[in-house]
C-alpha atoms as a PDB file:
ATOM      1  CA  ALA A   1     -37.795 238.323 161.303  1.00  0.00           C
ATOM      2  CA  LEU A   2     -39.783 235.190 160.451  1.00  0.00           C
ATOM      3  CA  LEU A   3     -42.450 237.249 158.668  1.00  0.00           C
ATOM      4  CA  LEU A   4     -39.777 239.086 156.672  1.00  0.00           C
ATOM      5  CA  ALA A   5     -38.122 235.796 155.711  1.00  0.00           C
ATOM      6  CA  ARG A   6     -41.473 234.358 154.588  1.00  0.00           C
ATOM      7  CA  GLY A   7     -42.181 237.521 152.592  1.00  0.00           C
ATOM      8  CA  ASP A   8     -38.770 237.303 150.907  1.00  0.00           C
ATOM      9  CA  GLU A   9     -39.322 233.619 150.145  1.00  0.00           C
ATOM     10  CA  LEU A  10     -42.721 234.398 148.623  1.00  0.00           C
ATOM     11  CA  ARG A  11     -41.238 237.212 146.510  1.00  0.00           C
ATOM     12  CA  ARG A  12     -38.478 234.901 145.227  1.00  0.00           C
ATOM     13  CA  ALA A  13     -41.028 232.212 144.332  1.00  0.00           C
ATOM     14  CA  LEU A  14     -43.195 234.801 142.584  1.00  0.00           C
ATOM     15  CA  LEU A  15     -40.212 236.155 140.665  1.00  0.00           C
ATOM     16  CA  ARG A  16     -39.268 232.648 139.502  1.00  0.00           C
ATOM     17  CA  ALA A  17     -42.849 231.957 138.394  1.00  0.00           C
ATOM     18  CA  VAL A  18     -43.191 235.309 136.629  1.00  0.00           C
ATOM     19  CA  SER A  19     -39.848 234.856 134.882  1.00  0.00           C
ATOM     20  CA  HIS A  20     -41.010 231.499 133.555  1.00  0.00           C
ATOM     21  CA  ASP A  21     -44.406 232.897 132.549  1.00  0.00           C
ATOM     22  CA  LEU A  22     -42.750 235.765 130.643  1.00  0.00           C
ATOM     23  CA  ARG A  23     -40.199 233.544 128.911  1.00  0.00           C
ATOM     24  CA  THR A  24     -42.786 231.101 127.550  1.00  0.00           C
ATOM     25  CA  PRO A  25     -44.581 233.536 125.211  1.00  0.00           C
ATOM     26  CA  LEU A  26     -41.292 235.232 124.358  1.00  0.00           C
ATOM     27  CA  ALA A  27     -39.809 231.895 123.264  1.00  0.00           C
ATOM     28  CA  SER A  28     -42.810 231.200 121.009  1.00  0.00           C
ATOM     29  CA  ILE A  29     -42.667 234.682 119.492  1.00  0.00           C
ATOM     30  CA  LYS A  30     -38.914 234.410 118.922  1.00  0.00           C
ATOM     31  CA  ALA A  31     -39.184 230.955 117.326  1.00  0.00           C
ATOM     32  CA  SER A  32     -41.957 232.096 114.984  1.00  0.00           C
ATOM     33  CA  VAL A  33     -40.166 235.278 113.932  1.00  0.00           C
ATOM     34  CA  THR A  34     -36.874 233.431 113.437  1.00  0.00           C
ATOM     35  CA  SER A  35     -38.641 230.884 111.247  1.00  0.00           C
ATOM     36  CA  LEU A  36     -40.295 233.597 109.154  1.00  0.00           C
ATOM     37  CA  LEU A  37     -36.948 235.360 108.684  1.00  0.00           C
ATOM     38  CA  GLN A  38     -35.235 232.263 107.284  1.00  0.00           C
ATOM     39  CA  ARG A  39     -34.406 233.056 103.677  1.00  0.00           C
ATOM     40  CA  ASP A  40     -33.527 229.476 102.751  1.00  0.00           C
ATOM     41  CA  VAL A  41     -37.037 228.138 103.468  1.00  0.00           C
ATOM     42  CA  ASP A  42     -40.136 228.738 101.359  1.00  0.00           C
ATOM     43  CA  TRP A  43     -42.948 228.613 103.900  1.00  0.00           C
ATOM     44  CA  THR A  44     -46.422 227.802 102.624  1.00  0.00           C
ATOM     45  CA  GLU A  45     -49.073 230.445 103.116  1.00  0.00           C
ATOM     46  CA  GLU A  46     -50.687 228.190 105.731  1.00  0.00           C
ATOM     47  CA  ALA A  47     -47.417 227.865 107.693  1.00  0.00           C
ATOM     48  CA  THR A  48     -46.815 231.618 107.466  1.00  0.00           C
ATOM     49  CA  LEU A  49     -50.316 232.321 108.791  1.00  0.00           C
ATOM     50  CA  GLU A  50     -49.744 229.850 111.614  1.00  0.00           C
ATOM     51  CA  PHE A  51     -46.502 231.605 112.603  1.00  0.00           C
ATOM     52  CA  LEU A  52     -48.274 234.983 112.511  1.00  0.00           C
ATOM     53  CA  ALA A  53     -51.189 233.645 114.581  1.00  0.00           C
ATOM     54  CA  THR A  54     -48.715 232.339 117.173  1.00  0.00           C
ATOM     55  CA  ILE A  55     -46.986 235.727 117.315  1.00  0.00           C
ATOM     56  CA  ASP A  56     -50.355 237.466 117.712  1.00  0.00           C
ATOM     57  CA  GLU A  57     -51.634 235.108 120.446  1.00  0.00           C
ATOM     58  CA  GLU A  58     -48.383 235.044 122.400  1.00  0.00           C
ATOM     59  CA  SER A  59     -48.054 238.842 122.184  1.00  0.00           C
ATOM     60  CA  ASP A  60     -51.531 239.132 123.721  1.00  0.00           C
ATOM     61  CA  ARG A  61     -50.518 236.653 126.419  1.00  0.00           C
ATOM     62  CA  LEU A  62     -47.365 238.632 127.152  1.00  0.00           C
ATOM     63  CA  ASP A  63     -49.373 241.856 127.282  1.00  0.00           C
ATOM     64  CA  ASP A  64     -51.764 240.267 129.807  1.00  0.00           C
ATOM     65  CA  LEU A  65     -48.861 239.127 131.979  1.00  0.00           C
ATOM     66  CA  VAL A  66     -47.255 242.572 131.948  1.00  0.00           C
ATOM     67  CA  SER A  67     -50.608 244.219 132.744  1.00  0.00           C
ATOM     68  CA  ASN A  68     -51.056 241.885 135.710  1.00  0.00           C
ATOM     69  CA  LEU A  69     -47.575 242.703 136.976  1.00  0.00           C
ATOM     70  CA  LEU A  70     -48.218 246.425 136.627  1.00  0.00           C
ATOM     71  CA  ASP A  71     -51.542 246.110 138.453  1.00  0.00           C
ATOM     72  CA  MET A  72     -49.870 244.162 141.247  1.00  0.00           C
ATOM     73  CA  SER A  73     -47.156 246.791 141.510  1.00  0.00           C
ATOM     74  CA  ARG A  74     -49.731 249.601 141.560  1.00  0.00           C
ATOM     75  CA  LEU A  75     -51.769 247.844 144.245  1.00  0.00           C
ATOM     76  CA  GLU A  76     -48.677 247.295 146.382  1.00  0.00           C
ATOM     77  CA  SER A  77     -47.576 250.921 146.034  1.00  0.00           C
ATOM     78  CA  GLY A  78     -51.069 252.278 146.688  1.00  0.00           C
ATOM     79  CA  ALA A  79     -51.335 253.875 143.227  1.00  0.00           C
ATOM     80  CA  LEU A  80     -54.247 251.597 142.305  1.00  0.00           C
ATOM     81  CA  ARG A  81     -57.162 251.977 144.678  1.00  0.00           C
ATOM     82  CA  PHE A  82     -59.452 249.138 145.598  1.00  0.00           C
ATOM     83  CA  GLN A  83     -63.015 250.330 144.885  1.00  0.00           C
ATOM     84  CA  SER A  84     -65.331 247.834 146.499  1.00  0.00           C
ATOM     85  CA  ARG A  85     -69.033 247.611 145.710  1.00  0.00           C
ATOM     86  CA  PRO A  86     -71.667 244.873 145.481  1.00  0.00           C
ATOM     87  CA  VAL A  87     -71.262 242.966 142.212  1.00  0.00           C
ATOM     88  CA  GLY A  88     -72.779 239.796 140.788  1.00  0.00           C
ATOM     89  CA  TYR A  89     -70.729 236.998 139.305  1.00  0.00           C
ATOM     90  CA  GLU A  90     -73.194 236.936 136.403  1.00  0.00           C
ATOM     91  CA  GLU A  91     -71.748 240.362 135.451  1.00  0.00           C
ATOM     92  CA  VAL A  92     -68.082 239.598 136.093  1.00  0.00           C
ATOM     93  CA  VAL A  93     -67.649 236.116 134.604  1.00  0.00           C
ATOM     94  CA  PRO A  94     -68.894 236.854 131.048  1.00  0.00           C
ATOM     95  CA  ALA A  95     -66.805 240.047 130.927  1.00  0.00           C
ATOM     96  CA  ALA A  96     -63.736 238.146 132.160  1.00  0.00           C
ATOM     97  CA  LEU A  97     -64.157 235.402 129.566  1.00  0.00           C
ATOM     98  CA  SER A  98     -64.733 237.868 126.741  1.00  0.00           C
ATOM     99  CA  SER A  99     -61.462 239.604 127.650  1.00  0.00           C
ATOM    100  CA  LEU A 100     -59.446 236.449 126.960  1.00  0.00           C
ATOM    101  CA  SER A 101     -57.513 236.367 123.706  1.00  0.00           C
ATOM    102  CA  GLY A 102     -58.049 232.656 123.071  1.00  0.00           C
ATOM    103  CA  SER A 103     -61.163 230.592 122.511  1.00  0.00           C
ATOM    104  CA  THR A 104     -63.564 229.991 125.395  1.00  0.00           C
ATOM    105  CA  ASP A 105     -65.637 227.396 123.509  1.00  0.00           C
ATOM    106  CA  THR A 106     -64.672 224.712 126.048  1.00  0.00           C
ATOM    107  CA  VAL A 107     -65.987 226.728 129.017  1.00  0.00           C
ATOM    108  CA  ASP A 108     -69.363 225.847 130.572  1.00  0.00           C
ATOM    109  CA  ILE A 109     -70.855 228.536 132.835  1.00  0.00           C
ATOM    110  CA  THR A 110     -73.386 227.809 135.573  1.00  0.00           C
ATOM    111  CA  LEU A 111     -74.297 230.958 137.489  1.00  0.00           C
ATOM    112  CA  ASP A 112     -77.584 231.445 139.292  1.00  0.00           C
ATOM    113  CA  GLU A 113     -78.686 235.066 138.917  1.00  0.00           C
ATOM    114  CA  THR A 114     -80.438 234.859 142.298  1.00  0.00           C
ATOM    115  CA  LEU A 115     -77.144 234.394 144.157  1.00  0.00           C
ATOM    116  CA  PRO A 116     -76.244 237.215 146.540  1.00  0.00           C
ATOM    117  CA  ARG A 117     -73.911 239.861 145.211  1.00  0.00           C
ATOM    118  CA  VAL A 118     -70.333 239.866 146.502  1.00  0.00           C
ATOM    119  CA  GLN A 119     -68.417 242.837 147.842  1.00  0.00           C
ATOM    120  CA  ALA A 120     -65.461 243.383 145.499  1.00  0.00           C
ATOM    121  CA  ASP A 121     -63.706 245.725 143.107  1.00  0.00           C
ATOM    122  CA  PRO A 122     -65.394 244.668 139.836  1.00  0.00           C
ATOM    123  CA  ALA A 123     -62.389 245.380 137.601  1.00  0.00           C
ATOM    124  CA  LEU A 124     -59.924 243.537 139.834  1.00  0.00           C
ATOM    125  CA  LEU A 125     -62.324 240.627 140.330  1.00  0.00           C
ATOM    126  CA  GLU A 126     -62.744 240.414 136.562  1.00  0.00           C
ATOM    127  CA  ARG A 127     -58.947 240.214 136.171  1.00  0.00           C
ATOM    128  CA  VAL A 128     -58.704 237.444 138.761  1.00  0.00           C
ATOM    129  CA  VAL A 129     -61.475 235.434 137.091  1.00  0.00           C
ATOM    130  CA  ALA A 130     -59.898 235.984 133.646  1.00  0.00           C
ATOM    131  CA  ASN A 131     -56.487 234.817 134.891  1.00  0.00           C
ATOM    132  CA  LEU A 132     -57.887 231.720 136.605  1.00  0.00           C
ATOM    133  CA  ALA A 133     -60.052 230.845 133.593  1.00  0.00           C
ATOM    134  CA  ALA A 134     -57.122 231.300 131.188  1.00  0.00           C
ATOM    135  CA  ASN A 135     -54.977 229.020 133.356  1.00  0.00           C
ATOM    136  CA  ALA A 136     -57.752 226.404 133.515  1.00  0.00           C
ATOM    137  CA  ILE A 137     -58.273 226.503 129.741  1.00  0.00           C
ATOM    138  CA  ALA A 138     -54.534 226.174 129.104  1.00  0.00           C
ATOM    139  CA  ALA A 139     -54.195 223.308 131.599  1.00  0.00           C
ATOM    140  CA  SER A 140     -57.159 221.431 130.124  1.00  0.00           C
ATOM    141  CA  GLY A 141     -56.135 221.663 126.507  1.00  0.00           C
ATOM    142  CA  PRO A 142     -58.527 221.843 123.558  1.00  0.00           C
ATOM    143  CA  ASP A 143     -60.345 218.549 124.223  1.00  0.00           C
ATOM    144  CA  LEU A 144     -61.376 218.946 127.869  1.00  0.00           C
ATOM    145  CA  ARG A 145     -64.133 221.115 129.330  1.00  0.00           C
ATOM    146  CA  VAL A 146     -63.711 223.854 131.949  1.00  0.00           C
ATOM    147  CA  ARG A 147     -66.575 224.661 134.328  1.00  0.00           C
ATOM    148  CA  VAL A 148     -67.217 228.048 135.904  1.00  0.00           C
ATOM    149  CA  GLU A 149     -69.855 227.835 138.602  1.00  0.00           C
ATOM    150  CA  ALA A 150     -70.928 229.663 141.726  1.00  0.00           C
ATOM    151  CA  GLY A 151     -72.979 228.719 144.740  1.00  0.00           C
ATOM    152  CA  ALA A 152     -73.951 229.952 148.178  1.00  0.00           C
ATOM    153  CA  VAL A 153     -72.019 228.148 150.907  1.00  0.00           C
ATOM    154  CA  SER A 154     -72.181 228.964 154.647  1.00  0.00           C
ATOM    155  CA  GLY A 155     -73.288 232.561 154.169  1.00  0.00           C
ATOM    156  CA  ARG A 156     -70.863 233.378 151.360  1.00  0.00           C
ATOM    157  CA  VAL A 157     -70.772 232.946 147.594  1.00  0.00           C
ATOM    158  CA  ASP A 158     -68.043 230.667 146.245  1.00  0.00           C
ATOM    159  CA  LEU A 159     -66.881 230.830 142.653  1.00  0.00           C
ATOM    160  CA  ARG A 160     -65.321 227.655 141.316  1.00  0.00           C
ATOM    161  CA  ILE A 161     -63.310 227.301 138.139  1.00  0.00           C
ATOM    162  CA  VAL A 162     -62.872 223.589 137.547  1.00  0.00           C
ATOM    163  CA  ASP A 163     -60.555 222.122 134.940  1.00  0.00           C
ATOM    164  CA  GLN A 164     -59.504 218.622 134.008  1.00  0.00           C
ATOM    165  CA  GLY A 165     -55.790 219.406 133.729  1.00  0.00           C
ATOM    166  CA  PRO A 166     -52.954 217.496 135.377  1.00  0.00           C
ATOM    167  CA  GLY A 167     -52.899 219.737 138.450  1.00  0.00           C
ATOM    168  CA  ILE A 168     -49.977 221.587 139.977  1.00  0.00           C
ATOM    169  CA  PRO A 169     -47.501 220.516 142.634  1.00  0.00           C
ATOM    170  CA  VAL A 170     -48.155 221.747 146.174  1.00  0.00           C
END
């Protein structure tokens, strides 16, 4: 019963977090579209392009969130199979960063190609790295650097994504 209660509590917390994460890009999209539809305001071309860029970026963000939810659902139902094989972080990290819709100019990568390969599903690992990197970039803002680094520790390979953001509550 305790395990079921903990599972239910975790699902509720996840649902609250996902609801917030989905509403944030939706609110930005809605505000931009509403502004563009105002007939009593003559927006400059620069303002119009900024609204359109916001709609584009937030739509990509929303698409990523929905894809993650679908992947999680498929994994839980067994429809998405975990296909583990040896993979190097030097393959996964660049692919993960290139999949992000925003700029990765503030990301510094330090990966030693001689590190041992890790046993993982490359596509799922790429998604995890992309999600963590996107969160770190968002938390750090445009003026702070994000580091992605890996190292061998006690017989395993640790990947660290380090940001300078405010942190999150426990």
